[in-house]
């Protein structure tokens, strides 16, 4: 995981060592309820991340990670965040 708030944006990267994803799959994996896992309460995390990134004028990108799996990069405008 990597995090920085240099400039006007906050950038967060999270990657895994799994099989990875194609760019075409990004729209699918960010749909609420989509999961490769069995059971209840799955498929929530990436849907929320995508929704909040858009809410704060940001984006969710998919890259190939250094570990061979997916690397999700989230950016958003830090001026829109009030703590």
PDB file of N, CA and C in Angstrom:
ATOM      1  N   UNK A   1       0.839  -1.162   0.000  1.00  0.00           N
ATOM      2  CA  UNK A   1       0.000   0.000   0.000  1.00  0.00           C
ATOM      3  C   UNK A   1       0.894   1.238   0.000  1.00  0.00           C
ATOM      4  N   UNK A   2       0.468   2.236  -0.756  1.00  0.00           N
ATOM      5  CA  UNK A   2       1.210   3.489  -0.867  1.00  0.00           C
ATOM      6  C   UNK A   2       0.215   4.633  -0.755  1.00  0.00           C
ATOM      7  N   UNK A   3       0.603   5.695  -0.069  1.00  0.00           N
ATOM      8  CA  UNK A   3      -0.269   6.845   0.137  1.00  0.00           C
ATOM      9  C   UNK A   3       0.570   8.113   0.057  1.00  0.00           C
ATOM     10  N   UNK A   4       0.062   9.136  -0.658  1.00  0.00           N
ATOM     11  CA  UNK A   4       0.715  10.442  -0.663  1.00  0.00           C
ATOM     12  C   UNK A   4      -0.330  11.526  -0.851  1.00  0.00           C
ATOM     13  N   UNK A   5      -0.032  12.703  -0.339  1.00  0.00           N
ATOM     14  CA  UNK A   5      -0.934  13.835  -0.518  1.00  0.00           C
ATOM     15  C   UNK A   5      -0.200  15.055  -1.064  1.00  0.00           C
ATOM     16  N   UNK A   6       0.796  14.827  -1.872  1.00  0.00           N
ATOM     17  CA  UNK A   6       1.527  15.923  -2.497  1.00  0.00           C
ATOM     18  C   UNK A   6       0.657  16.626  -3.528  1.00  0.00           C
ATOM     19  N   UNK A   7       0.804  17.925  -3.653  1.00  0.00           N
ATOM     20  CA  UNK A   7       0.024  18.665  -4.635  1.00  0.00           C
ATOM     21  C   UNK A   7      -1.418  18.817  -4.189  1.00  0.00           C
ATOM     22  N   UNK A   8      -2.323  18.856  -5.155  1.00  0.00           N
ATOM     23  CA  UNK A   8      -3.737  19.080  -4.882  1.00  0.00           C
ATOM     24  C   UNK A   8      -4.534  17.795  -4.690  1.00  0.00           C
ATOM     25  N   UNK A   9      -3.894  16.653  -4.897  1.00  0.00           N
ATOM     26  CA  UNK A   9      -4.614  15.387  -4.823  1.00  0.00           C
ATOM     27  C   UNK A   9      -4.039  14.462  -3.767  1.00  0.00           C
ATOM     28  N   UNK A  10      -4.886  13.555  -3.333  1.00  0.00           N
ATOM     29  CA  UNK A  10      -4.463  12.430  -2.510  1.00  0.00           C
ATOM     30  C   UNK A  10      -4.406  11.231  -3.440  1.00  0.00           C
ATOM     31  N   UNK A  11      -3.370  10.429  -3.305  1.00  0.00           N
ATOM     32  CA  UNK A  11      -3.210   9.237  -4.139  1.00  0.00           C
ATOM     33  C   UNK A  11      -2.984   8.046  -3.222  1.00  0.00           C
ATOM     34  N   UNK A  12      -3.759   6.993  -3.459  1.00  0.00           N
ATOM     35  CA  UNK A  12      -3.624   5.757  -2.689  1.00  0.00           C
ATOM     36  C   UNK A  12      -3.486   4.606  -3.671  1.00  0.00           C
ATOM     37  N   UNK A  13      -2.499   3.748  -3.441  1.00  0.00           N
ATOM     38  CA  UNK A  13      -2.302   2.539  -4.257  1.00  0.00           C
ATOM     39  C   UNK A  13      -2.407   1.317  -3.350  1.00  0.00           C
ATOM     40  N   UNK A  14      -3.152   0.329  -3.813  1.00  0.00           N
ATOM     41  CA  UNK A  14      -3.249  -0.953  -3.115  1.00  0.00           C
ATOM     42  C   UNK A  14      -3.090  -2.043  -4.159  1.00  0.00           C
ATOM     43  N   UNK A  15      -2.195  -2.981  -3.897  1.00  0.00           N
ATOM     44  CA  UNK A  15      -1.991  -4.062  -4.866  1.00  0.00           C
ATOM     45  C   UNK A  15      -1.990  -5.412  -4.190  1.00  0.00           C
ATOM     46  N   UNK A  16      -2.196  -6.443  -5.016  1.00  0.00           N
ATOM     47  CA  UNK A  16      -2.155  -7.807  -4.503  1.00  0.00           C
ATOM     48  C   UNK A  16      -1.287  -8.662  -5.402  1.00  0.00           C
ATOM     49  N   UNK A  17      -1.072  -9.876  -4.978  1.00  0.00           N
ATOM     50  CA  UNK A  17      -0.219 -10.793  -5.740  1.00  0.00           C
ATOM     51  C   UNK A  17      -1.038 -11.865  -6.448  1.00  0.00           C
ATOM     52  N   UNK A  18      -2.317 -11.596  -6.669  1.00  0.00           N
ATOM     53  CA  UNK A  18      -3.197 -12.571  -7.311  1.00  0.00           C
ATOM     54  C   UNK A  18      -2.959 -12.664  -8.806  1.00  0.00           C
ATOM     55  N   UNK A  19      -3.980 -13.106  -9.512  1.00  0.00           N
ATOM     56  CA  UNK A  19      -3.888 -13.307 -10.956  1.00  0.00           C
ATOM     57  C   UNK A  19      -3.968 -12.017 -11.752  1.00  0.00           C
ATOM     58  N   UNK A  20      -4.407 -10.948 -11.128  1.00  0.00           N
ATOM     59  CA  UNK A  20      -4.550  -9.685 -11.838  1.00  0.00           C
ATOM     60  C   UNK A  20      -5.891  -9.597 -12.542  1.00  0.00           C
ATOM     61  N   UNK A  21      -6.139  -8.446 -13.147  1.00  0.00           N
ATOM     62  CA  UNK A  21      -7.384  -8.172 -13.862  1.00  0.00           C
ATOM     63  C   UNK A  21      -7.066  -7.456 -15.158  1.00  0.00           C
ATOM     64  N   UNK A  22      -7.951  -7.603 -16.119  1.00  0.00           N
ATOM     65  CA  UNK A  22      -7.812  -6.816 -17.337  1.00  0.00           C
ATOM     66  C   UNK A  22      -8.525  -5.481 -17.126  1.00  0.00           C
ATOM     67  N   UNK A  23      -8.179  -4.483 -17.920  1.00  0.00           N
ATOM     68  CA  UNK A  23      -8.834  -3.180 -17.808  1.00  0.00           C
ATOM     69  C   UNK A  23     -10.331  -3.287 -18.041  1.00  0.00           C
ATOM     70  N   UNK A  24     -10.758  -4.232 -18.874  1.00  0.00           N
ATOM     71  CA  UNK A  24     -12.179  -4.434 -19.135  1.00  0.00           C
ATOM     72  C   UNK A  24     -12.937  -4.876 -17.881  1.00  0.00           C
ATOM     73  N   UNK A  25     -12.254  -5.525 -16.971  1.00  0.00           N
ATOM     74  CA  UNK A  25     -12.896  -6.045 -15.765  1.00  0.00           C
ATOM     75  C   UNK A  25     -13.123  -4.985 -14.695  1.00  0.00           C
ATOM     76  N   UNK A  26     -12.505  -3.806 -14.828  1.00  0.00           N
ATOM     77  CA  UNK A  26     -12.643  -2.774 -13.807  1.00  0.00           C
ATOM     78  C   UNK A  26     -14.098  -2.382 -13.615  1.00  0.00           C
ATOM     79  N   UNK A  27     -14.854  -2.224 -14.686  1.00  0.00           N
ATOM     80  CA  UNK A  27     -16.270  -1.846 -14.569  1.00  0.00           C
ATOM     81  C   UNK A  27     -17.070  -2.921 -13.842  1.00  0.00           C
ATOM     82  N   UNK A  28     -16.689  -4.162 -14.001  1.00  0.00           N
ATOM     83  CA  UNK A  28     -17.415  -5.265 -13.362  1.00  0.00           C
ATOM     84  C   UNK A  28     -17.074  -5.363 -11.877  1.00  0.00           C
ATOM     85  N   UNK A  29     -15.783  -5.310 -11.544  1.00  0.00           N
ATOM     86  CA  UNK A  29     -15.383  -5.521 -10.146  1.00  0.00           C
ATOM     87  C   UNK A  29     -15.768  -4.356  -9.243  1.00  0.00           C
ATOM     88  N   UNK A  30     -16.117  -3.200  -9.806  1.00  0.00           N
ATOM     89  CA  UNK A  30     -16.544  -2.067  -8.987  1.00  0.00           C
ATOM     90  C   UNK A  30     -18.057  -1.981  -8.843  1.00  0.00           C
ATOM     91  N   UNK A  31     -18.776  -2.952  -9.396  1.00  0.00           N
ATOM     92  CA  UNK A  31     -20.227  -3.000  -9.204  1.00  0.00           C
ATOM     93  C   UNK A  31     -20.533  -3.567  -7.824  1.00  0.00           C
ATOM     94  N   UNK A  32     -21.432  -2.898  -7.104  1.00  0.00           N
ATOM     95  CA  UNK A  32     -21.783  -3.378  -5.780  1.00  0.00           C
ATOM     96  C   UNK A  32     -22.370  -4.779  -5.873  1.00  0.00           C
ATOM     97  N   UNK A  33     -21.868  -5.663  -5.041  1.00  0.00           N
ATOM     98  CA  UNK A  33     -22.337  -7.040  -5.013  1.00  0.00           C
ATOM     99  C   UNK A  33     -21.468  -8.011  -5.779  1.00  0.00           C
ATOM    100  N   UNK A  34     -20.559  -7.500  -6.632  1.00  0.00           N
ATOM    101  CA  UNK A  34     -19.677  -8.410  -7.368  1.00  0.00           C
ATOM    102  C   UNK A  34     -18.559  -8.884  -6.443  1.00  0.00           C
ATOM    103  N   UNK A  35     -18.329 -10.170  -6.417  1.00  0.00           N
ATOM    104  CA  UNK A  35     -17.237 -10.737  -5.640  1.00  0.00           C
ATOM    105  C   UNK A  35     -16.874 -12.101  -6.185  1.00  0.00           C
ATOM    106  N   UNK A  36     -15.638 -12.455  -6.015  1.00  0.00           N
ATOM    107  CA  UNK A  36     -15.199 -13.813  -6.354  1.00  0.00           C
ATOM    108  C   UNK A  36     -15.315 -14.723  -5.137  1.00  0.00           C
ATOM    109  N   UNK A  37     -15.695 -14.141  -3.998  1.00  0.00           N
ATOM    110  CA  UNK A  37     -15.821 -14.898  -2.754  1.00  0.00           C
ATOM    111  C   UNK A  37     -17.266 -15.317  -2.532  1.00  0.00           C
ATOM    112  N   UNK A  38     -17.439 -16.386  -1.782  1.00  0.00           N
ATOM    113  CA  UNK A  38     -18.762 -16.870  -1.418  1.00  0.00           C
ATOM    114  C   UNK A  38     -19.189 -16.236  -0.098  1.00  0.00           C
ATOM    115  N   UNK A  39     -20.479 -16.180   0.133  1.00  0.00           N
ATOM    116  CA  UNK A  39     -20.999 -15.707   1.403  1.00  0.00           C
ATOM    117  C   UNK A  39     -21.680 -14.360   1.308  1.00  0.00           C
ATOM    118  N   UNK A  40     -22.217 -13.961   2.433  1.00  0.00           N
ATOM    119  CA  UNK A  40     -22.926 -12.686   2.501  1.00  0.00           C
ATOM    120  C   UNK A  40     -21.949 -11.532   2.683  1.00  0.00           C
ATOM    121  N   UNK A  41     -22.451 -10.339   2.411  1.00  0.00           N
ATOM    122  CA  UNK A  41     -21.711  -9.100   2.646  1.00  0.00           C
ATOM    123  C   UNK A  41     -20.410  -9.036   1.845  1.00  0.00           C
ATOM    124  N   UNK A  42     -20.432  -9.477   0.626  1.00  0.00           N
ATOM    125  CA  UNK A  42     -19.273  -9.422  -0.264  1.00  0.00           C
ATOM    126  C   UNK A  42     -19.536  -8.394  -1.356  1.00  0.00           C
ATOM    127  N   UNK A  43     -18.485  -7.939  -2.001  1.00  0.00           N
ATOM    128  CA  UNK A  43     -18.638  -7.043  -3.140  1.00  0.00           C
ATOM    129  C   UNK A  43     -19.024  -5.623  -2.757  1.00  0.00           C
ATOM    130  N   UNK A  44     -18.489  -5.158  -1.650  1.00  0.00           N
ATOM    131  CA  UNK A  44     -18.836  -3.820  -1.180  1.00  0.00           C
ATOM    132  C   UNK A  44     -17.658  -2.850  -1.318  1.00  0.00           C
ATOM    133  N   UNK A  45     -16.454  -3.290  -1.009  1.00  0.00           N
ATOM    134  CA  UNK A  45     -15.285  -2.416  -0.904  1.00  0.00           C
ATOM    135  C   UNK A  45     -14.959  -1.607  -2.145  1.00  0.00           C
ATOM    136  N   UNK A  46     -14.732  -2.258  -3.268  1.00  0.00           N
ATOM    137  CA  UNK A  46     -14.372  -1.526  -4.480  1.00  0.00           C
ATOM    138  C   UNK A  46     -15.514  -0.656  -4.985  1.00  0.00           C
ATOM    139  N   UNK A  47     -16.741  -1.075  -4.758  1.00  0.00           N
ATOM    140  CA  UNK A  47     -17.890  -0.247  -5.144  1.00  0.00           C
ATOM    141  C   UNK A  47     -17.884   1.061  -4.354  1.00  0.00           C
ATOM    142  N   UNK A  48     -17.617   0.977  -3.059  1.00  0.00           N
ATOM    143  CA  UNK A  48     -17.553   2.182  -2.227  1.00  0.00           C
ATOM    144  C   UNK A  48     -16.371   3.066  -2.605  1.00  0.00           C
ATOM    145  N   UNK A  49     -15.226   2.470  -2.845  1.00  0.00           N
ATOM    146  CA  UNK A  49     -14.041   3.244  -3.230  1.00  0.00           C
ATOM    147  C   UNK A  49     -14.310   4.004  -4.525  1.00  0.00           C
ATOM    148  N   UNK A  50     -14.890   3.336  -5.489  1.00  0.00           N
ATOM    149  CA  UNK A  50     -15.206   3.978  -6.772  1.00  0.00           C
ATOM    150  C   UNK A  50     -16.193   5.121  -6.576  1.00  0.00           C
ATOM    151  N   UNK A  51     -17.220   4.896  -5.782  1.00  0.00           N
ATOM    152  CA  UNK A  51     -18.237   5.917  -5.535  1.00  0.00           C
ATOM    153  C   UNK A  51     -17.648   7.147  -4.840  1.00  0.00           C
ATOM    154  N   UNK A  52     -16.824   6.928  -3.814  1.00  0.00           N
ATOM    155  CA  UNK A  52     -16.234   8.051  -3.098  1.00  0.00           C
ATOM    156  C   UNK A  52     -15.188   8.780  -3.929  1.00  0.00           C
ATOM    157  N   UNK A  53     -14.454   8.075  -4.747  1.00  0.00           N
ATOM    158  CA  UNK A  53     -13.492   8.748  -5.628  1.00  0.00           C
ATOM    159  C   UNK A  53     -14.223   9.721  -6.550  1.00  0.00           C
ATOM    160  N   UNK A  54     -15.326   9.287  -7.142  1.00  0.00           N
ATOM    161  CA  UNK A  54     -16.100  10.178  -8.012  1.00  0.00           C
ATOM    162  C   UNK A  54     -16.694  11.339  -7.227  1.00  0.00           C
ATOM    163  N   UNK A  55     -17.164  11.085  -6.013  1.00  0.00           N
ATOM    164  CA  UNK A  55     -17.755  12.117  -5.171  1.00  0.00           C
ATOM    165  C   UNK A  55     -16.752  13.239  -4.889  1.00  0.00           C
ATOM    166  N   UNK A  56     -15.485  12.882  -4.744  1.00  0.00           N
ATOM    167  CA  UNK A  56     -14.436  13.857  -4.450  1.00  0.00           C
ATOM    168  C   UNK A  56     -13.587  14.180  -5.681  1.00  0.00           C
ATOM    169  N   UNK A  57     -14.220  14.197  -6.856  1.00  0.00           N
ATOM    170  CA  UNK A  57     -13.580  14.592  -8.122  1.00  0.00           C
ATOM    171  C   UNK A  57     -12.320  13.796  -8.414  1.00  0.00           C
ATOM    172  N   UNK A  58     -12.366  12.520  -8.122  1.00  0.00           N
ATOM    173  CA  UNK A  58     -11.210  11.665  -8.347  1.00  0.00           C
ATOM    174  C   UNK A  58     -11.520  10.538  -9.303  1.00  0.00           C
ATOM    175  N   UNK A  59     -10.633   9.569  -9.308  1.00  0.00           N
ATOM    176  CA  UNK A  59     -10.768   8.424 -10.204  1.00  0.00           C
ATOM    177  C   UNK A  59     -10.232   7.175  -9.534  1.00  0.00           C
ATOM    178  N   UNK A  60     -10.651   6.051 -10.077  1.00  0.00           N
ATOM    179  CA  UNK A  60     -10.122   4.750  -9.688  1.00  0.00           C
ATOM    180  C   UNK A  60      -9.518   4.133 -10.936  1.00  0.00           C
ATOM    181  N   UNK A  61      -8.237   3.829 -10.865  1.00  0.00           N
ATOM    182  CA  UNK A  61      -7.524   3.240 -11.995  1.00  0.00           C
ATOM    183  C   UNK A  61      -7.086   1.832 -11.647  1.00  0.00           C
ATOM    184  N   UNK A  62      -6.881   1.048 -12.669  1.00  0.00           N
ATOM    185  CA  UNK A  62      -6.354  -0.301 -12.514  1.00  0.00           C
ATOM    186  C   UNK A  62      -5.046  -0.394 -13.274  1.00  0.00           C
ATOM    187  N   UNK A  63      -4.012  -0.876 -12.608  1.00  0.00           N
ATOM    188  CA  UNK A  63      -2.703  -1.085 -13.226  1.00  0.00           C
ATOM    189  C   UNK A  63      -2.224  -2.489 -12.890  1.00  0.00           C
ATOM    190  N   UNK A  64      -1.208  -2.925 -13.586  1.00  0.00           N
ATOM    191  CA  UNK A  64      -0.565  -4.189 -13.218  1.00  0.00           C
ATOM    192  C   UNK A  64       0.409  -3.900 -12.092  1.00  0.00           C
ATOM    193  N   UNK A  65       0.276  -4.613 -11.002  1.00  0.00           N
ATOM    194  CA  UNK A  65       1.128  -4.392  -9.846  1.00  0.00           C
ATOM    195  C   UNK A  65       2.487  -5.042  -9.995  1.00  0.00           C
ATOM    196  N   UNK A  66       3.426  -4.577  -9.192  1.00  0.00           N
ATOM    197  CA  UNK A  66       4.779  -5.144  -9.203  1.00  0.00           C
ATOM    198  C   UNK A  66       4.793  -6.583  -8.699  1.00  0.00           C
ATOM    199  N   UNK A  67       3.769  -6.971  -7.950  1.00  0.00           N
ATOM    200  CA  UNK A  67       3.671  -8.336  -7.438  1.00  0.00           C
ATOM    201  C   UNK A  67       2.998  -9.280  -8.434  1.00  0.00           C
ATOM    202  N   UNK A  68       2.588  -8.755  -9.597  1.00  0.00           N
ATOM    203  CA  UNK A  68       1.966  -9.572 -10.623  1.00  0.00           C
ATOM    204  C   UNK A  68       0.457  -9.535 -10.628  1.00  0.00           C
ATOM    205  N   UNK A  69      -0.142  -9.021  -9.578  1.00  0.00           N
ATOM    206  CA  UNK A  69      -1.597  -8.941  -9.491  1.00  0.00           C
ATOM    207  C   UNK A  69      -2.111  -7.571  -9.869  1.00  0.00           C
ATOM    208  N   UNK A  70      -3.300  -7.275  -9.405  1.00  0.00           N
ATOM    209  CA  UNK A  70      -3.930  -5.994  -9.689  1.00  0.00           C
ATOM    210  C   UNK A  70      -3.374  -4.918  -8.758  1.00  0.00           C
ATOM    211  N   UNK A  71      -3.279  -3.712  -9.277  1.00  0.00           N
ATOM    212  CA  UNK A  71      -2.901  -2.554  -8.481  1.00  0.00           C
ATOM    213  C   UNK A  71      -3.982  -1.495  -8.708  1.00  0.00           C
ATOM    214  N   UNK A  72      -4.724  -1.192  -7.652  1.00  0.00           N
ATOM    215  CA  UNK A  72      -5.775  -0.181  -7.731  1.00  0.00           C
ATOM    216  C   UNK A  72      -5.195   1.148  -7.253  1.00  0.00           C
ATOM    217  N   UNK A  73      -5.392   2.174  -8.062  1.00  0.00           N
ATOM    218  CA  UNK A  73      -4.905   3.516  -7.752  1.00  0.00           C
ATOM    219  C   UNK A  73      -6.122   4.427  -7.644  1.00  0.00           C
ATOM    220  N   UNK A  74      -6.258   5.085  -6.505  1.00  0.00           N
ATOM    221  CA  UNK A  74      -7.367   5.993  -6.258  1.00  0.00           C
ATOM    222  C   UNK A  74      -6.805   7.392  -6.082  1.00  0.00           C
ATOM    223  N   UNK A  75      -7.399   8.359  -6.780  1.00  0.00           N
ATOM    224  CA  UNK A  75      -7.026   9.749  -6.604  1.00  0.00           C
ATOM    225  C   UNK A  75      -8.274  10.553  -6.278  1.00  0.00           C
ATOM    226  N   UNK A  76      -8.108  11.595  -5.487  1.00  0.00           N
ATOM    227  CA  UNK A  76      -9.205  12.523  -5.243  1.00  0.00           C
ATOM    228  C   UNK A  76      -8.644  13.862  -4.784  1.00  0.00           C
ATOM    229  N   UNK A  77      -9.450  14.898  -4.962  1.00  0.00           N
ATOM    230  CA  UNK A  77      -9.052  16.260  -4.623  1.00  0.00           C
ATOM    231  C   UNK A  77      -9.100  16.455  -3.115  1.00  0.00           C
ATOM    232  N   UNK A  78      -7.958  16.765  -2.519  1.00  0.00           N
ATOM    233  CA  UNK A  78      -7.939  16.908  -1.068  1.00  0.00           C
ATOM    234  C   UNK A  78      -8.617  18.199  -0.608  1.00  0.00           C
ATOM    235  N   UNK A  79      -8.797  19.181  -1.480  1.00  0.00           N
ATOM    236  CA  UNK A  79      -9.475  20.416  -1.079  1.00  0.00           C
ATOM    237  C   UNK A  79     -10.961  20.185  -0.808  1.00  0.00           C
ATOM    238  N   UNK A  80     -11.509  19.067  -1.295  1.00  0.00           N
ATOM    239  CA  UNK A  80     -12.931  18.770  -1.099  1.00  0.00           C
ATOM    240  C   UNK A  80     -13.206  17.981   0.172  1.00  0.00           C
ATOM    241  N   UNK A  81     -12.150  17.635   0.885  1.00  0.00           N
ATOM    242  CA  UNK A  81     -12.300  16.819   2.082  1.00  0.00           C
ATOM    243  C   UNK A  81     -12.268  17.724   3.314  1.00  0.00           C
ATOM    244  N   UNK A  82     -13.244  17.550   4.160  1.00  0.00           N
ATOM    245  CA  UNK A  82     -13.240  18.287   5.429  1.00  0.00           C
ATOM    246  C   UNK A  82     -13.150  17.282   6.558  1.00  0.00           C
ATOM    247  N   UNK A  83     -12.211  17.499   7.421  1.00  0.00           N
ATOM    248  CA  UNK A  83     -11.973  16.563   8.536  1.00  0.00           C
ATOM    249  C   UNK A  83     -12.371  17.242   9.834  1.00  0.00           C
TER     250      UNK A  83
END
